[in-house]
């Protein structure tokens, strides 16, 4: 993590390594939305809570990495070097 909780931001590598057991702030994306997420394009989504927060983005089979919720959109926080063009 970049900073200790509660204000810390989880890195995508941290989430891929340890996020398999996460049960809160987890968004399972369709293949199309996962591709958008990896291209670092916003994905429209229904937030699971009311506040802006970091979350784990995944497909049914893979953890994609860290994202954040802003105004009903999932914004990718994966490193730019991981993005799909």
PDB file of N, CA and C in Angstrom:
ATOM      1  N   UNK A   1       0.848  -1.174   0.000  1.00  0.00           N
ATOM      2  CA  UNK A   1       0.000   0.000   0.000  1.00  0.00           C
ATOM      3  C   UNK A   1       0.895   1.239   0.000  1.00  0.00           C
ATOM      4  N   UNK A   2       0.375   2.297  -0.599  1.00  0.00           N
ATOM      5  CA  UNK A   2       1.149   3.534  -0.688  1.00  0.00           C
ATOM      6  C   UNK A   2       1.281   4.227   0.665  1.00  0.00           C
ATOM      7  N   UNK A   3       0.222   4.224   1.456  1.00  0.00           N
ATOM      8  CA  UNK A   3       0.236   4.802   2.799  1.00  0.00           C
ATOM      9  C   UNK A   3      -0.527   3.836   3.695  1.00  0.00           C
ATOM     10  N   UNK A   4      -0.273   3.894   5.002  1.00  0.00           N
ATOM     11  CA  UNK A   4      -1.011   2.997   5.886  1.00  0.00           C
ATOM     12  C   UNK A   4      -2.497   3.351   5.951  1.00  0.00           C
ATOM     13  N   UNK A   5      -3.354   2.357   6.234  1.00  0.00           N
ATOM     14  CA  UNK A   5      -4.781   2.642   6.393  1.00  0.00           C
ATOM     15  C   UNK A   5      -4.990   3.656   7.503  1.00  0.00           C
ATOM     16  N   UNK A   6      -6.056   4.393   7.535  1.00  0.00           N
ATOM     17  CA  UNK A   6      -7.257   4.259   6.719  1.00  0.00           C
ATOM     18  C   UNK A   6      -7.212   5.065   5.423  1.00  0.00           C
ATOM     19  N   UNK A   7      -6.264   5.969   5.246  1.00  0.00           N
ATOM     20  CA  UNK A   7      -6.243   6.815   4.058  1.00  0.00           C
ATOM     21  C   UNK A   7      -5.375   6.243   2.945  1.00  0.00           C
ATOM     22  N   UNK A   8      -4.789   5.089   3.147  1.00  0.00           N
ATOM     23  CA  UNK A   8      -3.864   4.526   2.177  1.00  0.00           C
ATOM     24  C   UNK A   8      -4.539   4.082   0.883  1.00  0.00           C
ATOM     25  N   UNK A   9      -3.760   4.125  -0.198  1.00  0.00           N
ATOM     26  CA  UNK A   9      -4.240   3.665  -1.499  1.00  0.00           C
ATOM     27  C   UNK A   9      -3.599   2.309  -1.783  1.00  0.00           C
ATOM     28  N   UNK A  10      -4.405   1.283  -2.011  1.00  0.00           N
ATOM     29  CA  UNK A  10      -3.823  -0.011  -2.343  1.00  0.00           C
ATOM     30  C   UNK A  10      -3.265   0.027  -3.768  1.00  0.00           C
ATOM     31  N   UNK A  11      -2.116  -0.566  -3.975  1.00  0.00           N
ATOM     32  CA  UNK A  11      -1.569  -0.642  -5.326  1.00  0.00           C
ATOM     33  C   UNK A  11      -2.217  -1.810  -6.065  1.00  0.00           C
ATOM     34  N   UNK A  12      -2.162  -1.773  -7.369  1.00  0.00           N
ATOM     35  CA  UNK A  12      -2.728  -2.865  -8.162  1.00  0.00           C
ATOM     36  C   UNK A  12      -1.979  -4.166  -7.911  1.00  0.00           C
ATOM     37  N   UNK A  13      -0.661  -4.078  -7.750  1.00  0.00           N
ATOM     38  CA  UNK A  13       0.128  -5.279  -7.462  1.00  0.00           C
ATOM     39  C   UNK A  13      -0.292  -5.880  -6.122  1.00  0.00           C
ATOM     40  N   UNK A  14      -0.480  -5.030  -5.113  1.00  0.00           N
ATOM     41  CA  UNK A  14      -0.943  -5.498  -3.802  1.00  0.00           C
ATOM     42  C   UNK A  14      -2.287  -6.217  -3.946  1.00  0.00           C
ATOM     43  N   UNK A  15      -3.218  -5.609  -4.685  1.00  0.00           N
ATOM     44  CA  UNK A  15      -4.542  -6.212  -4.840  1.00  0.00           C
ATOM     45  C   UNK A  15      -4.482  -7.527  -5.611  1.00  0.00           C
ATOM     46  N   UNK A  16      -3.639  -7.598  -6.626  1.00  0.00           N
ATOM     47  CA  UNK A  16      -3.517  -8.854  -7.367  1.00  0.00           C
ATOM     48  C   UNK A  16      -2.946  -9.949  -6.483  1.00  0.00           C
ATOM     49  N   UNK A  17      -2.068  -9.574  -5.595  1.00  0.00           N
ATOM     50  CA  UNK A  17      -1.426 -10.562  -4.721  1.00  0.00           C
ATOM     51  C   UNK A  17      -2.317 -10.980  -3.548  1.00  0.00           C
ATOM     52  N   UNK A  18      -2.993  -9.991  -2.920  1.00  0.00           N
ATOM     53  CA  UNK A  18      -3.714 -10.269  -1.682  1.00  0.00           C
ATOM     54  C   UNK A  18      -5.220 -10.012  -1.760  1.00  0.00           C
ATOM     55  N   UNK A  19      -5.731  -9.589  -2.889  1.00  0.00           N
ATOM     56  CA  UNK A  19      -7.141  -9.204  -2.994  1.00  0.00           C
ATOM     57  C   UNK A  19      -8.119 -10.330  -3.231  1.00  0.00           C
ATOM     58  N   UNK A  20      -7.652 -11.549  -3.355  1.00  0.00           N
ATOM     59  CA  UNK A  20      -8.541 -12.675  -3.630  1.00  0.00           C
ATOM     60  C   UNK A  20      -9.614 -12.888  -2.584  1.00  0.00           C
ATOM     61  N   UNK A  21      -9.355 -12.498  -1.365  1.00  0.00           N
ATOM     62  CA  UNK A  21     -10.327 -12.669  -0.290  1.00  0.00           C
ATOM     63  C   UNK A  21     -11.164 -11.438  -0.006  1.00  0.00           C
ATOM     64  N   UNK A  22     -11.002 -10.401  -0.806  1.00  0.00           N
ATOM     65  CA  UNK A  22     -11.742  -9.154  -0.562  1.00  0.00           C
ATOM     66  C   UNK A  22     -13.244  -9.370  -0.735  1.00  0.00           C
ATOM     67  N   UNK A  23     -14.019  -8.732   0.144  1.00  0.00           N
ATOM     68  CA  UNK A  23     -15.480  -8.852   0.076  1.00  0.00           C
ATOM     69  C   UNK A  23     -16.170  -7.494   0.001  1.00  0.00           C
ATOM     70  N   UNK A  24     -15.438  -6.406   0.240  1.00  0.00           N
ATOM     71  CA  UNK A  24     -16.025  -5.069   0.191  1.00  0.00           C
ATOM     72  C   UNK A  24     -15.356  -4.268  -0.915  1.00  0.00           C
ATOM     73  N   UNK A  25     -16.148  -3.374  -1.524  1.00  0.00           N
ATOM     74  CA  UNK A  25     -15.646  -2.517  -2.597  1.00  0.00           C
ATOM     75  C   UNK A  25     -15.018  -3.320  -3.735  1.00  0.00           C
ATOM     76  N   UNK A  26     -15.679  -4.400  -4.114  1.00  0.00           N
ATOM     77  CA  UNK A  26     -15.228  -5.249  -5.208  1.00  0.00           C
ATOM     78  C   UNK A  26     -16.231  -5.125  -6.351  1.00  0.00           C
ATOM     79  N   UNK A  27     -15.724  -4.877  -7.554  1.00  0.00           N
ATOM     80  CA  UNK A  27     -16.568  -4.748  -8.750  1.00  0.00           C
ATOM     81  C   UNK A  27     -16.136  -5.799  -9.754  1.00  0.00           C
ATOM     82  N   UNK A  28     -17.062  -6.661 -10.130  1.00  0.00           N
ATOM     83  CA  UNK A  28     -16.800  -7.674 -11.138  1.00  0.00           C
ATOM     84  C   UNK A  28     -17.290  -7.146 -12.474  1.00  0.00           C
ATOM     85  N   UNK A  29     -16.379  -7.033 -13.419  1.00  0.00           N
ATOM     86  CA  UNK A  29     -16.664  -6.408 -14.703  1.00  0.00           C
ATOM     87  C   UNK A  29     -16.875  -7.436 -15.804  1.00  0.00           C
ATOM     88  N   UNK A  30     -17.685  -7.063 -16.777  1.00  0.00           N
ATOM     89  CA  UNK A  30     -17.853  -7.872 -17.988  1.00  0.00           C
ATOM     90  C   UNK A  30     -16.560  -7.790 -18.793  1.00  0.00           C
ATOM     91  N   UNK A  31     -16.358  -8.674 -19.758  1.00  0.00           N
ATOM     92  CA  UNK A  31     -15.146  -8.577 -20.587  1.00  0.00           C
ATOM     93  C   UNK A  31     -15.013  -7.223 -21.291  1.00  0.00           C
ATOM     94  N   UNK A  32     -16.127  -6.667 -21.753  1.00  0.00           N
ATOM     95  CA  UNK A  32     -16.078  -5.366 -22.435  1.00  0.00           C
ATOM     96  C   UNK A  32     -15.676  -4.254 -21.475  1.00  0.00           C
ATOM     97  N   UNK A  33     -16.271  -4.249 -20.270  1.00  0.00           N
ATOM     98  CA  UNK A  33     -15.921  -3.236 -19.274  1.00  0.00           C
ATOM     99  C   UNK A  33     -14.492  -3.421 -18.773  1.00  0.00           C
ATOM    100  N   UNK A  34     -14.036  -4.669 -18.658  1.00  0.00           N
ATOM    101  CA  UNK A  34     -12.659  -4.926 -18.231  1.00  0.00           C
ATOM    102  C   UNK A  34     -11.674  -4.353 -19.249  1.00  0.00           C
ATOM    103  N   UNK A  35     -11.991  -4.491 -20.521  1.00  0.00           N
ATOM    104  CA  UNK A  35     -11.123  -3.931 -21.555  1.00  0.00           C
ATOM    105  C   UNK A  35     -11.093  -2.406 -21.466  1.00  0.00           C
ATOM    106  N   UNK A  36     -12.257  -1.795 -21.255  1.00  0.00           N
ATOM    107  CA  UNK A  36     -12.316  -0.341 -21.074  1.00  0.00           C
ATOM    108  C   UNK A  36     -11.482   0.086 -19.861  1.00  0.00           C
ATOM    109  N   UNK A  37     -11.639  -0.654 -18.769  1.00  0.00           N
ATOM    110  CA  UNK A  37     -10.900  -0.363 -17.543  1.00  0.00           C
ATOM    111  C   UNK A  37      -9.394  -0.412 -17.804  1.00  0.00           C
ATOM    112  N   UNK A  38      -8.934  -1.432 -18.517  1.00  0.00           N
ATOM    113  CA  UNK A  38      -7.508  -1.581 -18.795  1.00  0.00           C
ATOM    114  C   UNK A  38      -7.002  -0.564 -19.810  1.00  0.00           C
ATOM    115  N   UNK A  39      -7.906   0.027 -20.594  1.00  0.00           N
ATOM    116  CA  UNK A  39      -7.530   1.137 -21.481  1.00  0.00           C
ATOM    117  C   UNK A  39      -7.572   2.465 -20.730  1.00  0.00           C
ATOM    118  N   UNK A  40      -7.888   2.399 -19.453  1.00  0.00           N
ATOM    119  CA  UNK A  40      -7.982   3.564 -18.558  1.00  0.00           C
ATOM    120  C   UNK A  40      -9.109   4.495 -18.965  1.00  0.00           C
ATOM    121  N   UNK A  41     -10.183   3.926 -19.511  1.00  0.00           N
ATOM    122  CA  UNK A  41     -11.389   4.679 -19.831  1.00  0.00           C
ATOM    123  C   UNK A  41     -12.371   4.501 -18.678  1.00  0.00           C
ATOM    124  N   UNK A  42     -13.136   5.545 -18.312  1.00  0.00           N
ATOM    125  CA  UNK A  42     -14.130   5.400 -17.242  1.00  0.00           C
ATOM    126  C   UNK A  42     -15.200   4.363 -17.612  1.00  0.00           C
ATOM    127  N   UNK A  43     -15.631   3.613 -16.621  1.00  0.00           N
ATOM    128  CA  UNK A  43     -16.674   2.601 -16.795  1.00  0.00           C
ATOM    129  C   UNK A  43     -17.862   3.022 -15.939  1.00  0.00           C
ATOM    130  N   UNK A  44     -19.040   3.138 -16.556  1.00  0.00           N
ATOM    131  CA  UNK A  44     -20.252   3.456 -15.785  1.00  0.00           C
ATOM    132  C   UNK A  44     -20.600   2.265 -14.921  1.00  0.00           C
ATOM    133  N   UNK A  45     -20.895   2.564 -13.655  1.00  0.00           N
ATOM    134  CA  UNK A  45     -21.138   1.485 -12.692  1.00  0.00           C
ATOM    135  C   UNK A  45     -22.031   2.002 -11.575  1.00  0.00           C
ATOM    136  N   UNK A  46     -22.745   1.119 -10.952  1.00  0.00           N
ATOM    137  CA  UNK A  46     -23.563   1.463  -9.787  1.00  0.00           C
ATOM    138  C   UNK A  46     -22.709   1.262  -8.538  1.00  0.00           C
ATOM    139  N   UNK A  47     -22.341   2.341  -7.837  1.00  0.00           N
ATOM    140  CA  UNK A  47     -21.483   2.203  -6.654  1.00  0.00           C
ATOM    141  C   UNK A  47     -22.146   1.369  -5.562  1.00  0.00           C
ATOM    142  N   UNK A  48     -21.313   0.645  -4.815  1.00  0.00           N
ATOM    143  CA  UNK A  48     -21.831  -0.164  -3.712  1.00  0.00           C
ATOM    144  C   UNK A  48     -21.936   0.639  -2.427  1.00  0.00           C
ATOM    145  N   UNK A  49     -21.337   1.831  -2.405  1.00  0.00           N
ATOM    146  CA  UNK A  49     -21.516   2.722  -1.263  1.00  0.00           C
ATOM    147  C   UNK A  49     -21.609   4.158  -1.770  1.00  0.00           C
ATOM    148  N   UNK A  50     -21.926   5.089  -0.896  1.00  0.00           N
ATOM    149  CA  UNK A  50     -22.205   6.464  -1.303  1.00  0.00           C
ATOM    150  C   UNK A  50     -20.971   7.344  -1.453  1.00  0.00           C
ATOM    151  N   UNK A  51     -19.868   6.933  -0.943  1.00  0.00           N
ATOM    152  CA  UNK A  51     -18.719   7.833  -0.952  1.00  0.00           C
ATOM    153  C   UNK A  51     -17.708   7.437  -2.025  1.00  0.00           C
ATOM    154  N   UNK A  52     -16.884   8.396  -2.349  1.00  0.00           N
ATOM    155  CA  UNK A  52     -15.786   8.119  -3.275  1.00  0.00           C
ATOM    156  C   UNK A  52     -14.774   7.253  -2.541  1.00  0.00           C
ATOM    157  N   UNK A  53     -14.302   6.228  -3.194  1.00  0.00           N
ATOM    158  CA  UNK A  53     -13.362   5.349  -2.517  1.00  0.00           C
ATOM    159  C   UNK A  53     -12.600   4.504  -3.523  1.00  0.00           C
ATOM    160  N   UNK A  54     -11.508   3.928  -3.036  1.00  0.00           N
ATOM    161  CA  UNK A  54     -10.761   2.981  -3.849  1.00  0.00           C
ATOM    162  C   UNK A  54     -11.458   1.643  -3.798  1.00  0.00           C
ATOM    163  N   UNK A  55     -11.258   0.861  -4.857  1.00  0.00           N
ATOM    164  CA  UNK A  55     -11.924  -0.437  -4.926  1.00  0.00           C
ATOM    165  C   UNK A  55     -11.065  -1.418  -5.705  1.00  0.00           C
ATOM    166  N   UNK A  56     -11.486  -2.640  -5.698  1.00  0.00           N
ATOM    167  CA  UNK A  56     -10.840  -3.704  -6.444  1.00  0.00           C
ATOM    168  C   UNK A  56     -11.691  -3.987  -7.676  1.00  0.00           C
ATOM    169  N   UNK A  57     -11.067  -3.969  -8.841  1.00  0.00           N
ATOM    170  CA  UNK A  57     -11.756  -4.306 -10.088  1.00  0.00           C
ATOM    171  C   UNK A  57     -11.279  -5.669 -10.545  1.00  0.00           C
ATOM    172  N   UNK A  58     -12.241  -6.485 -10.967  1.00  0.00           N
ATOM    173  CA  UNK A  58     -11.908  -7.849 -11.370  1.00  0.00           C
ATOM    174  C   UNK A  58     -12.851  -8.342 -12.445  1.00  0.00           C
ATOM    175  N   UNK A  59     -12.502  -9.442 -13.066  1.00  0.00           N
ATOM    176  CA  UNK A  59     -13.415 -10.220 -13.895  1.00  0.00           C
ATOM    177  C   UNK A  59     -13.754 -11.441 -13.036  1.00  0.00           C
ATOM    178  N   UNK A  60     -14.620 -12.326 -13.507  1.00  0.00           N
ATOM    179  CA  UNK A  60     -14.867 -13.529 -12.698  1.00  0.00           C
ATOM    180  C   UNK A  60     -13.609 -14.376 -12.463  1.00  0.00           C
ATOM    181  N   UNK A  61     -12.614 -14.245 -13.357  1.00  0.00           N
ATOM    182  CA  UNK A  61     -11.430 -15.095 -13.265  1.00  0.00           C
ATOM    183  C   UNK A  61     -10.151 -14.405 -12.795  1.00  0.00           C
ATOM    184  N   UNK A  62     -10.052 -13.081 -12.981  1.00  0.00           N
ATOM    185  CA  UNK A  62      -8.797 -12.378 -12.718  1.00  0.00           C
ATOM    186  C   UNK A  62      -9.027 -11.076 -11.963  1.00  0.00           C
ATOM    187  N   UNK A  63      -8.078 -10.737 -11.110  1.00  0.00           N
ATOM    188  CA  UNK A  63      -8.073  -9.423 -10.471  1.00  0.00           C
ATOM    189  C   UNK A  63      -7.326  -8.477 -11.398  1.00  0.00           C
ATOM    190  N   UNK A  64      -7.997  -7.392 -11.796  1.00  0.00           N
ATOM    191  CA  UNK A  64      -7.398  -6.427 -12.710  1.00  0.00           C
ATOM    192  C   UNK A  64      -6.529  -5.424 -11.973  1.00  0.00           C
ATOM    193  N   UNK A  65      -6.992  -4.947 -10.827  1.00  0.00           N
ATOM    194  CA  UNK A  65      -6.213  -3.995 -10.052  1.00  0.00           C
ATOM    195  C   UNK A  65      -7.078  -2.975  -9.348  1.00  0.00           C
ATOM    196  N   UNK A  66      -6.451  -1.865  -9.000  1.00  0.00           N
ATOM    197  CA  UNK A  66      -7.101  -0.822  -8.224  1.00  0.00           C
ATOM    198  C   UNK A  66      -7.885   0.132  -9.118  1.00  0.00           C
ATOM    199  N   UNK A  67      -9.029   0.552  -8.618  1.00  0.00           N
ATOM    200  CA  UNK A  67      -9.836   1.575  -9.264  1.00  0.00           C
ATOM    201  C   UNK A  67     -10.370   2.507  -8.195  1.00  0.00           C
ATOM    202  N   UNK A  68     -11.029   3.561  -8.633  1.00  0.00           N
ATOM    203  CA  UNK A  68     -11.697   4.446  -7.674  1.00  0.00           C
ATOM    204  C   UNK A  68     -13.044   4.834  -8.253  1.00  0.00           C
ATOM    205  N   UNK A  69     -13.972   5.087  -7.358  1.00  0.00           N
ATOM    206  CA  UNK A  69     -15.333   5.442  -7.743  1.00  0.00           C
ATOM    207  C   UNK A  69     -15.487   6.955  -7.654  1.00  0.00           C
ATOM    208  N   UNK A  70     -15.996   7.539  -8.725  1.00  0.00           N
ATOM    209  CA  UNK A  70     -16.328   8.964  -8.758  1.00  0.00           C
ATOM    210  C   UNK A  70     -17.611   9.126  -9.555  1.00  0.00           C
ATOM    211  N   UNK A  71     -18.658   9.587  -8.897  1.00  0.00           N
ATOM    212  CA  UNK A  71     -19.915   9.927  -9.565  1.00  0.00           C
ATOM    213  C   UNK A  71     -20.402   8.833 -10.526  1.00  0.00           C
ATOM    214  N   UNK A  72     -20.610   7.644 -10.003  1.00  0.00           N
ATOM    215  CA  UNK A  72     -21.133   6.498 -10.757  1.00  0.00           C
ATOM    216  C   UNK A  72     -20.222   6.045 -11.889  1.00  0.00           C
ATOM    217  N   UNK A  73     -18.934   6.324 -11.753  1.00  0.00           N
ATOM    218  CA  UNK A  73     -17.969   5.862 -12.738  1.00  0.00           C
ATOM    219  C   UNK A  73     -16.807   5.195 -12.023  1.00  0.00           C
ATOM    220  N   UNK A  74     -16.338   4.110 -12.605  1.00  0.00           N
ATOM    221  CA  UNK A  74     -15.158   3.410 -12.118  1.00  0.00           C
ATOM    222  C   UNK A  74     -13.973   3.921 -12.931  1.00  0.00           C
ATOM    223  N   UNK A  75     -13.003   4.511 -12.246  1.00  0.00           N
ATOM    224  CA  UNK A  75     -11.822   5.087 -12.878  1.00  0.00           C
ATOM    225  C   UNK A  75     -10.638   4.164 -12.588  1.00  0.00           C
ATOM    226  N   UNK A  76      -9.930   3.777 -13.632  1.00  0.00           N
ATOM    227  CA  UNK A  76      -8.789   2.877 -13.477  1.00  0.00           C
ATOM    228  C   UNK A  76      -7.628   3.566 -12.789  1.00  0.00           C
ATOM    229  N   UNK A  77      -7.028   2.866 -11.845  1.00  0.00           N
ATOM    230  CA  UNK A  77      -5.821   3.322 -11.171  1.00  0.00           C
ATOM    231  C   UNK A  77      -4.658   2.374 -11.470  1.00  0.00           C
ATOM    232  N   UNK A  78      -4.811   1.514 -12.472  1.00  0.00           N
ATOM    233  CA  UNK A  78      -3.711   0.614 -12.832  1.00  0.00           C
ATOM    234  C   UNK A  78      -2.593   1.436 -13.465  1.00  0.00           C
ATOM    235  N   UNK A  79      -1.359   0.996 -13.356  1.00  0.00           N
ATOM    236  CA  UNK A  79      -0.264   1.755 -13.950  1.00  0.00           C
ATOM    237  C   UNK A  79      -0.448   1.957 -15.456  1.00  0.00           C
ATOM    238  N   UNK A  80      -0.051   3.117 -15.934  1.00  0.00           N
ATOM    239  CA  UNK A  80      -0.183   3.417 -17.379  1.00  0.00           C
ATOM    240  C   UNK A  80       0.552   2.378 -18.227  1.00  0.00           C
ATOM    241  N   UNK A  81       1.631   1.851 -17.720  1.00  0.00           N
ATOM    242  CA  UNK A  81       2.397   0.859 -18.484  1.00  0.00           C
ATOM    243  C   UNK A  81       1.625  -0.450 -18.669  1.00  0.00           C
ATOM    244  N   UNK A  82       0.564  -0.670 -17.880  1.00  0.00           N
ATOM    245  CA  UNK A  82      -0.263  -1.870 -18.024  1.00  0.00           C
ATOM    246  C   UNK A  82      -1.400  -1.676 -18.993  1.00  0.00           C
ATOM    247  N   UNK A  83      -1.657  -0.442 -19.380  1.00  0.00           N
ATOM    248  CA  UNK A  83      -2.872  -0.170 -20.158  1.00  0.00           C
ATOM    249  C   UNK A  83      -2.830  -0.862 -21.513  1.00  0.00           C
ATOM    250  N   UNK A  84      -4.015  -1.243 -21.975  1.00  0.00           N
ATOM    251  CA  UNK A  84      -4.185  -1.914 -23.261  1.00  0.00           C
ATOM    252  C   UNK A  84      -4.511  -0.830 -24.289  1.00  0.00           C
ATOM    253  N   UNK A  85      -3.877  -0.879 -25.426  1.00  0.00           N
ATOM    254  CA  UNK A  85      -4.123   0.159 -26.440  1.00  0.00           C
ATOM    255  C   UNK A  85      -5.050  -0.323 -27.514  1.00  0.00           C
TER     256      UNK A  85
END
